[in-house]
């Protein structure tokens, strides 16, 4: 039980150090995440197309 209290105290201390991102930071992170999602989707689509064409 003492370990749980210690962990919760550590998490609380970390949360106290965090702050909300500015609008510019949020938009930059959102754009980067969107590009990465599209890139991963494109790779998956290309693999799907290759797997559909190669067996034929």
N, C-alpha and C. Protein backbone atom coordinates (compact mmCIF):
# COMPACT_ATOMS: atom_id res chain seq x y z
N UNK A 1 0.83 -1.20 0.00
CA UNK A 1 0.00 0.00 0.00
C UNK A 1 0.86 1.25 0.00
N UNK A 2 2.02 1.15 0.63
CA UNK A 2 2.91 2.30 0.69
C UNK A 2 3.47 2.63 -0.70
N UNK A 3 3.72 1.59 -1.50
CA UNK A 3 4.21 1.81 -2.85
C UNK A 3 3.19 2.58 -3.69
N UNK A 4 1.91 2.26 -3.50
CA UNK A 4 0.86 2.95 -4.24
C UNK A 4 0.83 4.43 -3.86
N UNK A 5 0.94 4.73 -2.58
CA UNK A 5 0.96 6.13 -2.14
C UNK A 5 2.16 6.86 -2.72
N UNK A 6 3.28 6.20 -2.75
CA UNK A 6 4.49 6.83 -3.29
C UNK A 6 4.32 7.12 -4.77
N UNK A 7 3.79 6.15 -5.52
CA UNK A 7 3.58 6.35 -6.95
C UNK A 7 2.58 7.48 -7.20
N UNK A 8 1.49 7.50 -6.45
CA UNK A 8 0.50 8.55 -6.63
C UNK A 8 1.09 9.92 -6.32
N UNK A 9 1.94 9.99 -5.32
CA UNK A 9 2.59 11.26 -4.98
C UNK A 9 3.53 11.69 -6.11
N UNK A 10 4.25 10.75 -6.69
CA UNK A 10 5.13 11.07 -7.81
C UNK A 10 4.33 11.57 -9.01
N UNK A 11 3.23 10.90 -9.32
CA UNK A 11 2.39 11.32 -10.43
C UNK A 11 1.83 12.72 -10.19
N UNK A 12 1.43 12.99 -8.97
CA UNK A 12 0.88 14.29 -8.62
C UNK A 12 1.94 15.38 -8.80
N UNK A 13 3.16 15.10 -8.39
CA UNK A 13 4.24 16.08 -8.54
C UNK A 13 4.52 16.37 -10.02
N UNK A 14 4.48 15.34 -10.85
CA UNK A 14 4.70 15.52 -12.28
C UNK A 14 3.57 16.35 -12.89
N UNK A 15 2.34 16.06 -12.49
CA UNK A 15 1.20 16.81 -13.02
C UNK A 15 1.26 18.28 -12.61
N UNK A 16 1.80 18.56 -11.44
CA UNK A 16 1.93 19.95 -11.01
C UNK A 16 2.93 20.71 -11.88
N UNK A 17 3.90 20.02 -12.48
CA UNK A 17 4.90 20.67 -13.31
C UNK A 17 4.42 20.93 -14.73
N UNK A 18 3.35 20.26 -15.15
CA UNK A 18 2.89 20.40 -16.53
C UNK A 18 2.12 21.70 -16.71
N UNK A 19 1.99 22.10 -17.98
CA UNK A 19 1.22 23.30 -18.31
C UNK A 19 0.47 23.05 -19.61
N UNK A 20 -0.51 23.88 -19.86
CA UNK A 20 -1.26 23.76 -21.12
C UNK A 20 -0.41 24.29 -22.25
N UNK A 21 -0.47 23.64 -23.41
CA UNK A 21 0.30 24.15 -24.55
C UNK A 21 -0.34 25.44 -25.08
N UNK A 22 0.50 26.29 -25.65
CA UNK A 22 -0.04 27.48 -26.30
C UNK A 22 -0.76 27.06 -27.57
N UNK A 23 -1.49 27.99 -28.15
CA UNK A 23 -2.22 27.68 -29.37
C UNK A 23 -1.27 27.26 -30.48
N UNK A 24 -0.14 27.95 -30.60
CA UNK A 24 0.84 27.63 -31.64
C UNK A 24 1.42 26.23 -31.43
N UNK A 25 1.73 25.89 -30.20
CA UNK A 25 2.26 24.56 -29.91
C UNK A 25 1.24 23.48 -30.25
N UNK A 26 0.00 23.73 -29.87
CA UNK A 26 -1.06 22.75 -30.14
C UNK A 26 -1.25 22.55 -31.64
N UNK A 27 -1.28 23.65 -32.39
CA UNK A 27 -1.47 23.54 -33.84
C UNK A 27 -0.29 22.82 -34.49
N UNK A 28 0.93 23.11 -34.05
CA UNK A 28 2.11 22.45 -34.62
C UNK A 28 2.06 20.94 -34.34
N UNK A 29 1.73 20.56 -33.11
CA UNK A 29 1.66 19.14 -32.76
C UNK A 29 0.54 18.46 -33.54
N UNK A 30 -0.59 19.13 -33.70
CA UNK A 30 -1.72 18.56 -34.44
C UNK A 30 -1.36 18.33 -35.91
N UNK A 31 -0.67 19.31 -36.51
CA UNK A 31 -0.27 19.15 -37.91
C UNK A 31 0.71 18.00 -38.08
N UNK A 32 1.68 17.92 -37.19
CA UNK A 32 2.66 16.83 -37.29
C UNK A 32 1.98 15.48 -37.11
N UNK A 33 1.08 15.38 -36.13
CA UNK A 33 0.37 14.12 -35.90
C UNK A 33 -0.49 13.76 -37.11
N UNK A 34 -1.13 14.74 -37.73
CA UNK A 34 -1.95 14.49 -38.91
C UNK A 34 -1.12 13.98 -40.08
N UNK A 35 0.04 14.58 -40.29
CA UNK A 35 0.92 14.14 -41.38
C UNK A 35 1.40 12.72 -41.12
N UNK A 36 1.75 12.40 -39.89
CA UNK A 36 2.21 11.04 -39.56
C UNK A 36 1.09 10.03 -39.78
N UNK A 37 -0.12 10.37 -39.37
CA UNK A 37 -1.26 9.46 -39.57
C UNK A 37 -1.49 9.22 -41.06
N UNK A 38 -1.45 10.28 -41.86
CA UNK A 38 -1.62 10.12 -43.31
C UNK A 38 -0.50 9.28 -43.91
N UNK A 39 0.73 9.49 -43.47
CA UNK A 39 1.87 8.73 -43.98
C UNK A 39 1.74 7.25 -43.66
N UNK A 40 1.37 6.93 -42.43
CA UNK A 40 1.20 5.53 -42.04
C UNK A 40 0.04 4.90 -42.82
N UNK A 41 -1.03 5.66 -43.02
CA UNK A 41 -2.15 5.16 -43.81
C UNK A 41 -1.76 4.91 -45.25
N UNK A 42 -0.95 5.79 -45.80
CA UNK A 42 -0.48 5.61 -47.17
C UNK A 42 0.38 4.35 -47.30
N UNK A 43 1.25 4.14 -46.34
CA UNK A 43 2.08 2.92 -46.35
C UNK A 43 1.19 1.68 -46.27
N UNK A 44 0.20 1.70 -45.40
CA UNK A 44 -0.71 0.57 -45.28
C UNK A 44 -1.49 0.34 -46.56
N UNK A 45 -1.92 1.42 -47.19
CA UNK A 45 -2.66 1.28 -48.45
C UNK A 45 -1.77 0.70 -49.54
N UNK A 46 -0.53 1.17 -49.62
CA UNK A 46 0.39 0.63 -50.62
C UNK A 46 0.67 -0.85 -50.40
N UNK A 47 0.82 -1.25 -49.16
CA UNK A 47 1.01 -2.67 -48.86
C UNK A 47 -0.22 -3.47 -49.28
N UNK A 48 -1.40 -2.92 -49.00
CA UNK A 48 -2.64 -3.60 -49.39
C UNK A 48 -2.72 -3.77 -50.91
N UNK A 49 -2.39 -2.69 -51.63
CA UNK A 49 -2.45 -2.76 -53.09
C UNK A 49 -1.45 -3.77 -53.61
N UNK A 50 -0.23 -3.76 -53.08
CA UNK A 50 0.78 -4.73 -53.50
C UNK A 50 0.34 -6.16 -53.23
N UNK A 51 -0.26 -6.40 -52.08
CA UNK A 51 -0.71 -7.75 -51.73
C UNK A 51 -1.89 -8.17 -52.62
N UNK A 52 -2.66 -7.23 -53.10
CA UNK A 52 -3.78 -7.57 -53.96
C UNK A 52 -3.32 -7.82 -55.40
N UNK A 53 -2.24 -7.15 -55.82
CA UNK A 53 -1.76 -7.27 -57.20
C UNK A 53 -0.80 -8.44 -57.36
N UNK A 54 0.10 -8.64 -56.41
CA UNK A 54 1.15 -9.66 -56.56
C UNK A 54 0.63 -11.10 -56.69
N UNK A 55 -0.37 -11.51 -55.93
CA UNK A 55 -0.82 -12.90 -56.09
C UNK A 55 -1.42 -13.17 -57.48
N UNK A 56 -1.90 -12.15 -58.16
CA UNK A 56 -2.56 -12.34 -59.47
C UNK A 56 -1.63 -12.35 -60.60
